[in-house]
Amino acid sequence: MKSILAQIAKRASISTALIFYHFADRQDLIDQTLQALLEQSATFILTKTFESNEPNAQLARFIEASIAYQATHPKHNVALLEIIFNARTEEGMPYYKLPDDGDDSLLVALCGVLEIGKAQGDFKVSPVNVMAKVIQRSIGEYMSTGKSLAIDAQQYSEEVIEIIRTAMKVEGTKHA
């Protein structure tokens, strides 16, 4: 049976030597792929989020961009999930069981938006980190739930935004 790296090289139409030129080993390839996937999605989402200075609009844009990214990059999401749930550290621990080191840039940004909105009186939420996790979980459910509900990404985004605004007692203002 061919090694994983040989299979990757064949699918990419490159030599395994080229893979080893750029990556120390299989683990390095997995780690760097995971990092690239996370950075790409975060850049997409945060760029859209901070096109506005208003926390209410930022929250809506964060949700919309997160769901839009899932809808437009399904292969990236599958790869990300495969790595997180199947890859293991050298010690054999699955990635999904690794301790949270607080480096989740999307969670940090979302908490920041919620904190600013709370301080300005736009959001009634406490504690912020719990609401941020609820929002992230709602976003993450789109890939499995959206299709089974026969709902498109835009409609799903609108529903999640409305639910979150209601939960935080935010006036239903339209976002820009």
C-alpha atoms as a PDB file:
ATOM      1  CA  MET A   1       0.000   0.000   0.000  1.00  0.00           C
ATOM      2  CA  LYS A   2       1.300   3.438  -0.914  1.00  0.00           C
ATOM      3  CA  SER A   3       2.227   5.843   1.795  1.00  0.00           C
ATOM      4  CA  ILE A   4      -0.059   8.781   2.469  1.00  0.00           C
ATOM      5  CA  LEU A   5       2.585  11.174   1.126  1.00  0.00           C
ATOM      6  CA  ALA A   6       2.911   9.165  -2.079  1.00  0.00           C
ATOM      7  CA  GLN A   7      -0.867   9.317  -2.533  1.00  0.00           C
ATOM      8  CA  ILE A   8      -0.851  13.066  -1.958  1.00  0.00           C
ATOM      9  CA  ALA A   9       2.013  13.517  -4.413  1.00  0.00           C
ATOM     10  CA  LYS A  10       0.188  11.491  -7.056  1.00  0.00           C
ATOM     11  CA  ARG A  11      -3.041  13.474  -6.642  1.00  0.00           C
ATOM     12  CA  ALA A  12      -1.098  16.747  -6.795  1.00  0.00           C
ATOM     13  CA  SER A  13       0.921  15.512  -9.798  1.00  0.00           C
ATOM     14  CA  ILE A  14       4.220  16.165  -8.040  1.00  0.00           C
ATOM     15  CA  SER A  15       7.015  14.008  -6.702  1.00  0.00           C
ATOM     16  CA  THR A  16       7.215  12.910  -3.081  1.00  0.00           C
ATOM     17  CA  ALA A  17      10.658  14.534  -3.023  1.00  0.00           C
ATOM     18  CA  LEU A  18       8.990  17.899  -3.569  1.00  0.00           C
ATOM     19  CA  ILE A  19       6.732  17.270  -0.578  1.00  0.00           C
ATOM     20  CA  PHE A  20       9.741  16.418   1.577  1.00  0.00           C
ATOM     21  CA  TYR A  21      11.475  19.556   0.327  1.00  0.00           C
ATOM     22  CA  HIS A  22       8.696  21.696   1.841  1.00  0.00           C
ATOM     23  CA  PHE A  23       7.648  19.552   4.810  1.00  0.00           C
ATOM     24  CA  ALA A  24       9.782  17.700   7.340  1.00  0.00           C
ATOM     25  CA  ASP A  25       7.415  14.749   7.516  1.00  0.00           C
ATOM     26  CA  ARG A  26       3.771  13.693   7.399  1.00  0.00           C
ATOM     27  CA  GLN A  27       3.041  15.408  10.726  1.00  0.00           C
ATOM     28  CA  ASP A  28       4.519  18.679   9.489  1.00  0.00           C
ATOM     29  CA  LEU A  29       2.359  18.469   6.349  1.00  0.00           C
ATOM     30  CA  ILE A  30      -0.771  17.888   8.435  1.00  0.00           C
ATOM     31  CA  ASP A  31       0.069  20.680  10.884  1.00  0.00           C
ATOM     32  CA  GLN A  32       0.823  23.204   8.162  1.00  0.00           C
ATOM     33  CA  THR A  33      -2.282  22.231   6.208  1.00  0.00           C
ATOM     34  CA  LEU A  34      -4.410  22.715   9.309  1.00  0.00           C
ATOM     35  CA  GLN A  35      -2.782  26.082   9.990  1.00  0.00           C
ATOM     36  CA  ALA A  36      -3.327  27.228   6.388  1.00  0.00           C
ATOM     37  CA  LEU A  37      -6.996  26.186   6.458  1.00  0.00           C
ATOM     38  CA  LEU A  38      -7.597  28.018   9.738  1.00  0.00           C
ATOM     39  CA  GLU A  39      -5.784  31.155   8.562  1.00  0.00           C
ATOM     40  CA  GLN A  40      -7.654  31.236   5.250  1.00  0.00           C
ATOM     41  CA  SER A  41     -11.079  31.024   6.875  1.00  0.00           C
ATOM     42  CA  ALA A  42     -10.162  33.527   9.602  1.00  0.00           C
ATOM     43  CA  THR A  43      -8.872  36.042   7.045  1.00  0.00           C
ATOM     44  CA  PHE A  44     -12.060  35.740   4.993  1.00  0.00           C
ATOM     45  CA  ILE A  45     -14.350  36.092   8.022  1.00  0.00           C
ATOM     46  CA  LEU A  46     -12.486  38.846   9.850  1.00  0.00           C
ATOM     47  CA  THR A  47     -12.036  40.956   6.712  1.00  0.00           C
ATOM     48  CA  LYS A  48     -15.807  40.971   6.216  1.00  0.00           C
ATOM     49  CA  THR A  49     -16.530  41.452   9.925  1.00  0.00           C
ATOM     50  CA  PHE A  50     -14.472  44.594  10.336  1.00  0.00           C
ATOM     51  CA  GLU A  51     -15.743  46.360   7.231  1.00  0.00           C
ATOM     52  CA  SER A  52     -18.025  48.087   9.743  1.00  0.00           C
ATOM     53  CA  ASN A  53     -17.297  49.870  13.016  1.00  0.00           C
ATOM     54  CA  GLU A  54     -20.680  49.140  14.610  1.00  0.00           C
ATOM     55  CA  PRO A  55     -20.804  46.052  16.862  1.00  0.00           C
ATOM     56  CA  ASN A  56     -24.314  45.117  15.687  1.00  0.00           C
ATOM     57  CA  ALA A  57     -23.228  45.166  12.037  1.00  0.00           C
ATOM     58  CA  GLN A  58     -19.944  43.422  12.903  1.00  0.00           C
ATOM     59  CA  LEU A  59     -21.843  40.616  14.602  1.00  0.00           C
ATOM     60  CA  ALA A  60     -24.129  40.167  11.598  1.00  0.00           C
ATOM     61  CA  ARG A  61     -21.169  40.253   9.203  1.00  0.00           C
ATOM     62  CA  PHE A  62     -19.271  37.736  11.326  1.00  0.00           C
ATOM     63  CA  ILE A  63     -22.181  35.297  11.160  1.00  0.00           C
ATOM     64  CA  GLU A  64     -22.824  35.907   7.451  1.00  0.00           C
ATOM     65  CA  ALA A  65     -19.157  35.574   6.493  1.00  0.00           C
ATOM     66  CA  SER A  66     -18.689  32.430   8.577  1.00  0.00           C
ATOM     67  CA  ILE A  67     -21.657  30.693   6.976  1.00  0.00           C
ATOM     68  CA  ALA A  68     -20.791  31.999   3.506  1.00  0.00           C
ATOM     69  CA  TYR A  69     -17.279  30.613   3.874  1.00  0.00           C
ATOM     70  CA  GLN A  70     -18.679  27.185   4.728  1.00  0.00           C
ATOM     71  CA  ALA A  71     -21.055  27.327   1.768  1.00  0.00           C
ATOM     72  CA  THR A  72     -18.385  28.425  -0.711  1.00  0.00           C
ATOM     73  CA  HIS A  73     -15.497  26.287   0.587  1.00  0.00           C
ATOM     74  CA  PRO A  74     -17.017  22.878   1.363  1.00  0.00           C
ATOM     75  CA  LYS A  75     -13.841  20.942   0.507  1.00  0.00           C
ATOM     76  CA  HIS A  76     -11.795  23.085   2.870  1.00  0.00           C
ATOM     77  CA  ASN A  77     -14.294  22.440   5.645  1.00  0.00           C
ATOM     78  CA  VAL A  78     -14.206  18.695   5.033  1.00  0.00           C
ATOM     79  CA  ALA A  79     -10.394  18.743   5.093  1.00  0.00           C
ATOM     80  CA  LEU A  80     -10.410  20.760   8.311  1.00  0.00           C
ATOM     81  CA  LEU A  81     -12.814  18.351   9.997  1.00  0.00           C
ATOM     82  CA  GLU A  82     -10.875  15.323   8.769  1.00  0.00           C
ATOM     83  CA  ILE A  83      -7.671  16.683  10.242  1.00  0.00           C
ATOM     84  CA  ILE A  84      -9.218  17.729  13.548  1.00  0.00           C
ATOM     85  CA  PHE A  85     -11.065  14.458  14.102  1.00  0.00           C
ATOM     86  CA  ASN A  86      -8.621  11.970  12.583  1.00  0.00           C
ATOM     87  CA  ALA A  87      -5.113  13.384  12.930  1.00  0.00           C
ATOM     88  CA  ARG A  88      -3.126  12.606  16.043  1.00  0.00           C
ATOM     89  CA  THR A  89      -0.117  14.088  17.734  1.00  0.00           C
ATOM     90  CA  GLU A  90       3.117  12.109  17.886  1.00  0.00           C
ATOM     91  CA  GLU A  91       1.939  10.924  21.310  1.00  0.00           C
ATOM     92  CA  GLY A  92      -1.259   9.571  19.740  1.00  0.00           C
ATOM     93  CA  MET A  93      -3.708  12.160  21.079  1.00  0.00           C
ATOM     94  CA  PRO A  94      -6.447  13.209  18.613  1.00  0.00           C
ATOM     95  CA  TYR A  95      -6.307  16.879  17.696  1.00  0.00           C
ATOM     96  CA  TYR A  96      -9.839  17.483  18.898  1.00  0.00           C
ATOM     97  CA  LYS A  97      -8.794  16.458  22.420  1.00  0.00           C
ATOM     98  CA  LEU A  98      -5.890  18.890  22.618  1.00  0.00           C
ATOM     99  CA  PRO A  99      -6.286  21.589  25.268  1.00  0.00           C
ATOM    100  CA  ASP A 100      -7.616  24.910  24.045  1.00  0.00           C
ATOM    101  CA  ASP A 101      -4.665  27.278  24.170  1.00  0.00           C
ATOM    102  CA  GLY A 102      -6.762  30.389  23.570  1.00  0.00           C
ATOM    103  CA  ASP A 103      -5.329  31.086  20.133  1.00  0.00           C
ATOM    104  CA  ASP A 104      -8.674  30.871  18.293  1.00  0.00           C
ATOM    105  CA  SER A 105      -8.580  34.192  16.450  1.00  0.00           C
ATOM    106  CA  LEU A 106     -12.230  33.948  15.460  1.00  0.00           C
ATOM    107  CA  LEU A 107     -13.384  33.352  19.026  1.00  0.00           C
ATOM    108  CA  VAL A 108     -11.181  36.197  20.295  1.00  0.00           C
ATOM    109  CA  ALA A 109     -12.566  38.571  17.631  1.00  0.00           C
ATOM    110  CA  LEU A 110     -16.163  37.529  18.286  1.00  0.00           C
ATOM    111  CA  CYS A 111     -15.736  38.028  22.039  1.00  0.00           C
ATOM    112  CA  GLY A 112     -14.263  41.458  21.309  1.00  0.00           C
ATOM    113  CA  VAL A 113     -17.259  42.440  19.185  1.00  0.00           C
ATOM    114  CA  LEU A 114     -19.624  41.245  21.906  1.00  0.00           C
ATOM    115  CA  GLU A 115     -17.666  43.033  24.654  1.00  0.00           C
ATOM    116  CA  ILE A 116     -17.705  46.336  22.763  1.00  0.00           C
ATOM    117  CA  GLY A 117     -21.395  45.962  21.975  1.00  0.00           C
ATOM    118  CA  LYS A 118     -22.099  45.174  25.618  1.00  0.00           C
ATOM    119  CA  ALA A 119     -20.063  48.187  26.812  1.00  0.00           C
ATOM    120  CA  GLN A 120     -21.933  50.463  24.391  1.00  0.00           C
ATOM    121  CA  GLY A 121     -25.276  49.076  25.577  1.00  0.00           C
ATOM    122  CA  ASP A 122     -26.052  47.450  22.210  1.00  0.00           C
ATOM    123  CA  PHE A 123     -25.949  43.886  23.525  1.00  0.00           C
ATOM    124  CA  LYS A 124     -27.333  42.481  26.740  1.00  0.00           C
ATOM    125  CA  VAL A 125     -25.151  39.445  27.206  1.00  0.00           C
ATOM    126  CA  SER A 126     -23.357  37.864  30.108  1.00  0.00           C
ATOM    127  CA  PRO A 127     -21.039  36.056  30.059  1.00  0.00           C
ATOM    128  CA  VAL A 128     -19.711  37.011  26.647  1.00  0.00           C
ATOM    129  CA  ASN A 129     -17.660  33.847  26.126  1.00  0.00           C
ATOM    130  CA  VAL A 130     -20.771  31.654  26.491  1.00  0.00           C
ATOM    131  CA  MET A 131     -22.688  33.643  23.864  1.00  0.00           C
ATOM    132  CA  ALA A 132     -19.646  33.550  21.574  1.00  0.00           C
ATOM    133  CA  LYS A 133     -19.577  29.737  21.831  1.00  0.00           C
ATOM    134  CA  VAL A 134     -23.338  29.568  21.142  1.00  0.00           C
ATOM    135  CA  ILE A 135     -22.835  31.702  18.038  1.00  0.00           C
ATOM    136  CA  GLN A 136     -19.919  29.574  16.853  1.00  0.00           C
ATOM    137  CA  ARG A 137     -21.908  26.364  17.361  1.00  0.00           C
ATOM    138  CA  SER A 138     -24.851  27.807  15.424  1.00  0.00           C
ATOM    139  CA  ILE A 139     -22.519  28.701  12.580  1.00  0.00           C
ATOM    140  CA  GLY A 140     -20.849  25.296  12.661  1.00  0.00           C
ATOM    141  CA  GLU A 141     -24.170  23.510  12.317  1.00  0.00           C
ATOM    142  CA  TYR A 142     -24.799  24.957   8.863  1.00  0.00           C
ATOM    143  CA  MET A 143     -22.842  22.284   7.002  1.00  0.00           C
ATOM    144  CA  SER A 144     -24.980  19.473   8.395  1.00  0.00           C
ATOM    145  CA  THR A 145     -28.249  21.201   9.262  1.00  0.00           C
ATOM    146  CA  GLY A 146     -28.588  23.705   6.431  1.00  0.00           C
ATOM    147  CA  LYS A 147     -28.771  21.061   3.745  1.00  0.00           C
ATOM    148  CA  SER A 148     -31.193  18.846   5.648  1.00  0.00           C
ATOM    149  CA  LEU A 149     -33.457  21.848   6.262  1.00  0.00           C
ATOM    150  CA  ALA A 150     -33.280  22.770   2.557  1.00  0.00           C
ATOM    151  CA  ILE A 151     -32.192  26.269   3.523  1.00  0.00           C
ATOM    152  CA  ASP A 152     -29.555  28.297   1.706  1.00  0.00           C
ATOM    153  CA  ALA A 153     -26.641  30.010   3.385  1.00  0.00           C
ATOM    154  CA  GLN A 154     -28.142  33.500   3.260  1.00  0.00           C
ATOM    155  CA  GLN A 155     -31.447  32.413   4.781  1.00  0.00           C
ATOM    156  CA  TYR A 156     -29.653  30.376   7.456  1.00  0.00           C
ATOM    157  CA  SER A 157     -27.497  33.427   8.271  1.00  0.00           C
ATOM    158  CA  GLU A 158     -30.547  35.645   8.595  1.00  0.00           C
ATOM    159  CA  GLU A 159     -32.241  33.162  10.926  1.00  0.00           C
ATOM    160  CA  VAL A 160     -29.165  32.800  13.138  1.00  0.00           C
ATOM    161  CA  ILE A 161     -28.694  36.577  13.279  1.00  0.00           C
ATOM    162  CA  GLU A 162     -32.321  37.065  14.303  1.00  0.00           C
ATOM    163  CA  ILE A 163     -32.114  34.365  16.980  1.00  0.00           C
ATOM    164  CA  ILE A 164     -28.903  35.825  18.430  1.00  0.00           C
ATOM    165  CA  ARG A 165     -30.278  39.369  18.379  1.00  0.00           C
ATOM    166  CA  THR A 166     -33.400  38.178  20.165  1.00  0.00           C
ATOM    167  CA  ALA A 167     -31.315  36.316  22.747  1.00  0.00           C
ATOM    168  CA  MET A 168     -29.276  39.451  23.403  1.00  0.00           C
ATOM    169  CA  LYS A 169     -32.318  41.739  23.245  1.00  0.00           C
ATOM    170  CA  VAL A 170     -30.911  43.694  20.301  1.00  0.00           C
ATOM    171  CA  GLU A 171     -33.272  45.817  18.277  1.00  0.00           C
ATOM    172  CA  GLY A 172     -33.789  44.247  14.852  1.00  0.00           C
ATOM    173  CA  THR A 173     -31.894  46.907  12.957  1.00  0.00           C
ATOM    174  CA  LYS A 174     -30.689  46.031   9.504  1.00  0.00           C
ATOM    175  CA  HIS A 175     -26.970  45.565   9.164  1.00  0.00           C
ATOM    176  CA  ALA A 176     -24.896  47.173   6.447  1.00  0.00           C
END
